[in-house]
Amino acid sequence: LMRTCAADPSPAGARDAALFALAAKTGARREELVKSKLADMKATPEGWEIRIMGKGNKERILYADNGAARALADWLDIRGPAAGAPPRSGSVGSVRARARTSSGRPARFAQATP
């Protein structure tokens, strides 16, 4: 999946790489990640803290470092501080489609959460 994202020169490639890296690093569900807002993210000396609302409206803090932190920083550099995301939003459907098309079959990540 990461090679497919890296080969995509569009902003969507960087966005999807950040989503997959964060999901792998933190165990967050795709819906939790795509619903997160820029205001929910804070850079720290170790990487990033991301506040999300999990199942049952429970707030939790995710910690991203190393490759996941770099992927998120790369995406945020492209995205910029404005609301929204170029060229399309990071909807659950677009993440699921990327997971399917990169391997030709549904990704384990896409099946891991309800």
N, C-alpha and C. Protein backbone atom coordinates (compact mmCIF):
# COMPACT_ATOMS: atom_id res chain seq x y z
N LEU A 1 0.82 -1.19 0.00
CA LEU A 1 0.00 0.00 0.00
C LEU A 1 0.86 1.26 0.00
N MET A 2 1.91 1.26 0.81
CA MET A 2 2.74 2.46 0.90
C MET A 2 3.48 2.72 -0.41
N ARG A 3 3.90 1.68 -1.12
CA ARG A 3 4.55 1.87 -2.42
C ARG A 3 3.58 2.49 -3.43
N THR A 4 2.32 2.05 -3.38
CA THR A 4 1.32 2.61 -4.27
C THR A 4 1.10 4.08 -3.98
N CYS A 5 1.03 4.42 -2.70
CA CYS A 5 0.85 5.83 -2.31
C CYS A 5 2.06 6.66 -2.73
N ALA A 6 3.26 6.12 -2.52
CA ALA A 6 4.48 6.86 -2.87
C ALA A 6 4.59 7.08 -4.38
N ALA A 7 4.05 6.16 -5.17
CA ALA A 7 4.11 6.29 -6.62
C ALA A 7 3.08 7.28 -7.16
N ASP A 8 2.13 7.67 -6.35
CA ASP A 8 1.08 8.61 -6.76
C ASP A 8 1.59 10.03 -6.51
N PRO A 9 1.86 10.82 -7.56
CA PRO A 9 2.40 12.16 -7.36
C PRO A 9 1.36 13.20 -6.92
N SER A 10 0.09 12.82 -6.90
CA SER A 10 -0.96 13.77 -6.52
C SER A 10 -1.00 13.93 -5.00
N PRO A 11 -1.65 14.96 -4.51
CA PRO A 11 -1.82 15.12 -3.06
C PRO A 11 -2.51 13.91 -2.41
N ALA A 12 -3.35 13.23 -3.16
CA ALA A 12 -4.04 12.05 -2.61
C ALA A 12 -3.05 10.97 -2.20
N GLY A 13 -1.94 10.83 -2.91
CA GLY A 13 -0.93 9.83 -2.54
C GLY A 13 -0.35 10.10 -1.16
N ALA A 14 0.00 11.35 -0.89
CA ALA A 14 0.54 11.72 0.43
C ALA A 14 -0.52 11.59 1.51
N ARG A 15 -1.75 11.98 1.18
CA ARG A 15 -2.84 11.87 2.16
C ARG A 15 -3.08 10.42 2.54
N ASP A 16 -3.17 9.55 1.54
CA ASP A 16 -3.44 8.15 1.82
C ASP A 16 -2.27 7.48 2.54
N ALA A 17 -1.04 7.88 2.21
CA ALA A 17 0.13 7.34 2.92
C ALA A 17 0.04 7.70 4.40
N ALA A 18 -0.35 8.93 4.70
CA ALA A 18 -0.49 9.34 6.10
C ALA A 18 -1.58 8.54 6.80
N LEU A 19 -2.70 8.33 6.14
CA LEU A 19 -3.79 7.55 6.75
C LEU A 19 -3.37 6.12 7.03
N PHE A 20 -2.74 5.46 6.05
CA PHE A 20 -2.31 4.07 6.25
C PHE A 20 -1.24 3.97 7.33
N ALA A 21 -0.28 4.89 7.32
CA ALA A 21 0.80 4.86 8.32
C ALA A 21 0.23 5.08 9.73
N LEU A 22 -0.69 6.03 9.86
CA LEU A 22 -1.29 6.28 11.18
C LEU A 22 -2.12 5.09 11.65
N ALA A 23 -2.86 4.48 10.74
CA ALA A 23 -3.66 3.31 11.12
C ALA A 23 -2.77 2.17 11.58
N ALA A 24 -1.69 1.93 10.86
CA ALA A 24 -0.77 0.85 11.24
C ALA A 24 -0.07 1.14 12.56
N LYS A 25 0.33 2.38 12.76
CA LYS A 25 1.09 2.75 13.97
C LYS A 25 0.21 2.81 15.21
N THR A 26 -1.00 3.34 15.05
CA THR A 26 -1.83 3.62 16.23
C THR A 26 -2.96 2.64 16.47
N GLY A 27 -3.34 1.89 15.45
CA GLY A 27 -4.48 1.00 15.58
C GLY A 27 -5.82 1.71 15.45
N ALA A 28 -5.78 2.97 15.04
CA ALA A 28 -7.02 3.74 14.89
C ALA A 28 -7.84 3.19 13.74
N ARG A 29 -9.13 3.31 13.86
CA ARG A 29 -10.04 2.91 12.79
C ARG A 29 -10.02 3.99 11.70
N ARG A 30 -10.28 3.57 10.46
CA ARG A 30 -10.22 4.52 9.35
C ARG A 30 -11.18 5.68 9.55
N GLU A 31 -12.37 5.40 10.06
CA GLU A 31 -13.35 6.47 10.26
C GLU A 31 -12.85 7.49 11.30
N GLU A 32 -12.18 7.01 12.34
CA GLU A 32 -11.64 7.91 13.35
C GLU A 32 -10.60 8.84 12.73
N LEU A 33 -9.78 8.29 11.85
CA LEU A 33 -8.72 9.10 11.23
C LEU A 33 -9.27 10.11 10.24
N VAL A 34 -10.20 9.70 9.40
CA VAL A 34 -10.69 10.64 8.39
C VAL A 34 -11.57 11.72 9.00
N LYS A 35 -12.09 11.49 10.19
CA LYS A 35 -12.90 12.52 10.86
C LYS A 35 -12.05 13.47 11.70
N SER A 36 -10.77 13.17 11.87
CA SER A 36 -9.93 14.05 12.69
C SER A 36 -9.72 15.38 11.96
N LYS A 37 -9.53 16.41 12.74
CA LYS A 37 -9.34 17.76 12.21
C LYS A 37 -7.94 18.25 12.54
N LEU A 38 -7.50 19.25 11.81
CA LEU A 38 -6.18 19.81 12.04
C LEU A 38 -6.03 20.30 13.48
N ALA A 39 -7.09 20.85 14.04
CA ALA A 39 -7.06 21.34 15.43
C ALA A 39 -6.85 20.20 16.43
N ASP A 40 -7.10 18.96 16.01
CA ASP A 40 -6.94 17.80 16.89
C ASP A 40 -5.51 17.26 16.89
N MET A 41 -4.63 17.87 16.11
CA MET A 41 -3.26 17.37 15.95
C MET A 41 -2.26 18.36 16.54
N LYS A 42 -1.30 17.82 17.26
CA LYS A 42 -0.28 18.68 17.87
C LYS A 42 1.09 18.04 17.68
N ALA A 43 2.01 18.82 17.12
CA ALA A 43 3.39 18.35 16.97
C ALA A 43 4.07 18.36 18.34
N THR A 44 4.83 17.32 18.60
CA THR A 44 5.60 17.21 19.84
C THR A 44 7.04 16.89 19.46
N PRO A 45 7.98 16.98 20.39
CA PRO A 45 9.36 16.61 20.07
C PRO A 45 9.50 15.15 19.61
N GLU A 46 8.58 14.29 20.05
CA GLU A 46 8.64 12.87 19.70
C GLU A 46 7.90 12.54 18.41
N GLY A 47 7.03 13.43 17.93
CA GLY A 47 6.23 13.16 16.73
C GLY A 47 4.94 13.96 16.75
N TRP A 48 3.81 13.26 16.84
CA TRP A 48 2.50 13.91 16.83
C TRP A 48 1.58 13.29 17.87
N GLU A 49 0.75 14.12 18.46
CA GLU A 49 -0.37 13.67 19.29
C GLU A 49 -1.64 14.01 18.51
N ILE A 50 -2.52 13.04 18.39
CA ILE A 50 -3.76 13.25 17.64
C ILE A 50 -4.93 12.85 18.53
N ARG A 51 -5.81 13.79 18.78
CA ARG A 51 -6.99 13.54 19.61
C ARG A 51 -8.12 13.07 18.68
N ILE A 52 -8.69 11.90 19.00
CA ILE A 52 -9.79 11.38 18.19
C ILE A 52 -10.95 10.98 19.09
N MET A 53 -12.11 10.87 18.48
CA MET A 53 -13.28 10.34 19.17
C MET A 53 -13.44 8.90 18.69
N GLY A 54 -13.34 7.98 19.63
CA GLY A 54 -13.45 6.57 19.29
C GLY A 54 -14.87 6.06 19.45
N LYS A 55 -14.99 4.75 19.45
CA LYS A 55 -16.30 4.14 19.63
C LYS A 55 -16.89 4.56 20.95
N GLY A 56 -18.21 4.73 20.96
CA GLY A 56 -18.89 5.12 22.19
C GLY A 56 -18.59 6.55 22.60
N ASN A 57 -18.19 7.39 21.63
CA ASN A 57 -17.84 8.79 21.90
C ASN A 57 -16.77 8.93 22.97
N LYS A 58 -15.83 8.00 23.01
CA LYS A 58 -14.72 8.07 23.95
C LYS A 58 -13.55 8.76 23.27
N GLU A 59 -13.08 9.83 23.91
CA GLU A 59 -11.92 10.54 23.38
C GLU A 59 -10.66 9.79 23.76
N ARG A 60 -9.75 9.70 22.80
CA ARG A 60 -8.44 9.11 23.11
C ARG A 60 -7.36 9.86 22.34
N ILE A 61 -6.16 9.72 22.83
CA ILE A 61 -5.00 10.38 22.22
C ILE A 61 -4.15 9.31 21.55
N LEU A 62 -3.84 9.55 20.28
CA LEU A 62 -2.95 8.67 19.53
C LEU A 62 -1.57 9.32 19.49
N TYR A 63 -0.55 8.50 19.47
CA TYR A 63 0.81 8.99 19.39
C TYR A 63 1.47 8.42 18.14
N ALA A 64 1.95 9.30 17.28
CA ALA A 64 2.60 8.88 16.04
C ALA A 64 4.04 9.35 16.04
N ASP A 65 4.95 8.43 15.77
CA ASP A 65 6.36 8.80 15.67
C ASP A 65 6.96 8.11 14.44
N ASN A 66 8.22 8.31 14.22
CA ASN A 66 8.97 7.69 13.12
C ASN A 66 8.28 7.89 11.77
N GLY A 67 8.07 6.80 11.03
CA GLY A 67 7.52 6.89 9.69
C GLY A 67 6.12 7.47 9.64
N ALA A 68 5.30 7.14 10.63
CA ALA A 68 3.94 7.68 10.67
C ALA A 68 3.98 9.19 10.86
N ALA A 69 4.88 9.65 11.72
CA ALA A 69 5.01 11.10 11.95
C ALA A 69 5.49 11.80 10.68
N ARG A 70 6.43 11.20 9.97
CA ARG A 70 6.92 11.79 8.72
C ARG A 70 5.82 11.83 7.66
N ALA A 71 5.05 10.75 7.56
CA ALA A 71 3.97 10.72 6.57
C ALA A 71 2.92 11.77 6.88
N LEU A 72 2.59 11.94 8.16
CA LEU A 72 1.61 12.96 8.55
C LEU A 72 2.16 14.36 8.26
N ALA A 73 3.42 14.60 8.60
CA ALA A 73 4.03 15.91 8.35
C ALA A 73 4.07 16.21 6.85
N ASP A 74 4.39 15.20 6.03
CA ASP A 74 4.41 15.39 4.58
C ASP A 74 3.03 15.78 4.07
N TRP A 75 2.00 15.10 4.57
CA TRP A 75 0.63 15.41 4.14
C TRP A 75 0.22 16.81 4.58
N LEU A 76 0.53 17.16 5.81
CA LEU A 76 0.14 18.47 6.32
C LEU A 76 0.87 19.60 5.57
N ASP A 77 2.09 19.34 5.12
CA ASP A 77 2.81 20.34 4.31
C ASP A 77 2.07 20.58 2.99
N ILE A 78 1.58 19.51 2.39
CA ILE A 78 0.84 19.63 1.13
C ILE A 78 -0.54 20.22 1.37
N ARG A 79 -1.21 19.75 2.40
CA ARG A 79 -2.58 20.16 2.71
C ARG A 79 -2.67 21.64 3.03
N GLY A 80 -1.74 22.11 3.85
CA GLY A 80 -1.78 23.51 4.28
C GLY A 80 -2.77 23.73 5.41
N PRO A 81 -2.86 24.95 5.91
CA PRO A 81 -3.70 25.24 7.08
C PRO A 81 -5.17 25.48 6.79
N ALA A 82 -5.55 25.60 5.52
CA ALA A 82 -6.95 25.90 5.18
C ALA A 82 -7.85 24.70 5.44
N ALA A 83 -9.12 24.97 5.65
CA ALA A 83 -10.09 23.89 5.84
C ALA A 83 -10.24 23.10 4.56
N GLY A 84 -10.54 21.82 4.70
CA GLY A 84 -10.69 20.96 3.53
C GLY A 84 -9.37 20.37 3.12
N ALA A 85 -9.38 19.57 2.07
CA ALA A 85 -8.16 18.91 1.63
C ALA A 85 -8.14 18.79 0.12
N PRO A 86 -7.04 19.16 -0.52
CA PRO A 86 -6.98 19.02 -1.97
C PRO A 86 -6.67 17.58 -2.34
N PRO A 87 -7.02 17.05 -3.45
CA PRO A 87 -8.02 17.59 -4.35
C PRO A 87 -9.41 17.09 -4.01
N ARG A 88 -9.49 16.12 -3.10
CA ARG A 88 -10.78 15.59 -2.65
C ARG A 88 -10.64 15.25 -1.18
N SER A 89 -11.74 15.10 -0.50
CA SER A 89 -11.66 14.81 0.93
C SER A 89 -11.20 13.38 1.14
N GLY A 90 -10.69 13.10 2.32
CA GLY A 90 -10.23 11.76 2.66
C GLY A 90 -11.37 10.92 3.19
N SER A 91 -12.37 10.70 2.38
CA SER A 91 -13.55 9.97 2.83
C SER A 91 -13.21 8.51 3.10
N VAL A 92 -14.03 7.89 3.89
CA VAL A 92 -13.86 6.46 4.17
C VAL A 92 -13.86 5.69 2.86
N GLY A 93 -14.74 6.06 1.93
CA GLY A 93 -14.81 5.37 0.65
C GLY A 93 -13.53 5.48 -0.16
N SER A 94 -12.90 6.66 -0.17
CA SER A 94 -11.69 6.82 -0.95
C SER A 94 -10.53 6.04 -0.34
N VAL A 95 -10.48 5.95 0.98
CA VAL A 95 -9.44 5.16 1.64
C VAL A 95 -9.67 3.68 1.35
N ARG A 96 -10.91 3.23 1.42
CA ARG A 96 -11.24 1.83 1.14
C ARG A 96 -10.89 1.50 -0.32
N ALA A 97 -11.18 2.41 -1.24
CA ALA A 97 -10.88 2.18 -2.65
C ALA A 97 -9.37 2.06 -2.86
N ARG A 98 -8.58 2.91 -2.23
CA ARG A 98 -7.12 2.84 -2.36
C ARG A 98 -6.62 1.49 -1.83
N ALA A 99 -7.17 1.05 -0.70
CA ALA A 99 -6.74 -0.22 -0.12
C ALA A 99 -7.06 -1.38 -1.07
N ARG A 100 -8.17 -1.32 -1.75
CA ARG A 100 -8.54 -2.38 -2.69
C ARG A 100 -7.72 -2.33 -3.96
N THR A 101 -7.56 -1.16 -4.54
CA THR A 101 -6.93 -1.08 -5.84
C THR A 101 -5.43 -1.33 -5.80
N SER A 102 -4.78 -1.11 -4.69
CA SER A 102 -3.33 -1.29 -4.65
C SER A 102 -2.94 -2.76 -4.67
N SER A 103 -3.78 -3.65 -4.16
CA SER A 103 -3.44 -5.06 -4.11
C SER A 103 -4.32 -5.91 -5.02
N GLY A 104 -5.41 -5.32 -5.52
CA GLY A 104 -6.33 -6.08 -6.34
C GLY A 104 -7.38 -6.83 -5.53
N ARG A 105 -7.27 -6.79 -4.24
CA ARG A 105 -8.26 -7.43 -3.37
C ARG A 105 -8.42 -6.58 -2.13
N PRO A 106 -9.49 -6.77 -1.36
CA PRO A 106 -9.67 -5.94 -0.16
C PRO A 106 -8.48 -6.09 0.79
N ALA A 107 -8.03 -4.98 1.31
CA ALA A 107 -6.90 -5.00 2.24
C ALA A 107 -7.34 -5.45 3.62
N ARG A 108 -6.44 -6.03 4.34
CA ARG A 108 -6.73 -6.46 5.70
C ARG A 108 -7.13 -5.26 6.55
N PHE A 109 -6.47 -4.12 6.32
CA PHE A 109 -6.81 -2.88 7.04
C PHE A 109 -8.27 -2.53 6.86
N ALA A 110 -8.76 -2.63 5.61
CA ALA A 110 -10.15 -2.25 5.33
C ALA A 110 -11.13 -3.21 5.98
N GLN A 111 -10.72 -4.45 6.24
CA GLN A 111 -11.61 -5.43 6.83
C GLN A 111 -11.51 -5.45 8.36
N ALA A 112 -10.52 -4.80 8.92
CA ALA A 112 -10.26 -4.93 10.35
C ALA A 112 -11.25 -4.19 11.23
N THR A 113 -11.96 -3.23 10.68
CA THR A 113 -12.90 -2.46 11.49
C THR A 113 -14.28 -2.54 10.88
N PRO A 114 -15.31 -2.48 11.72
CA PRO A 114 -16.67 -2.57 11.20
C PRO A 114 -17.08 -1.30 10.46
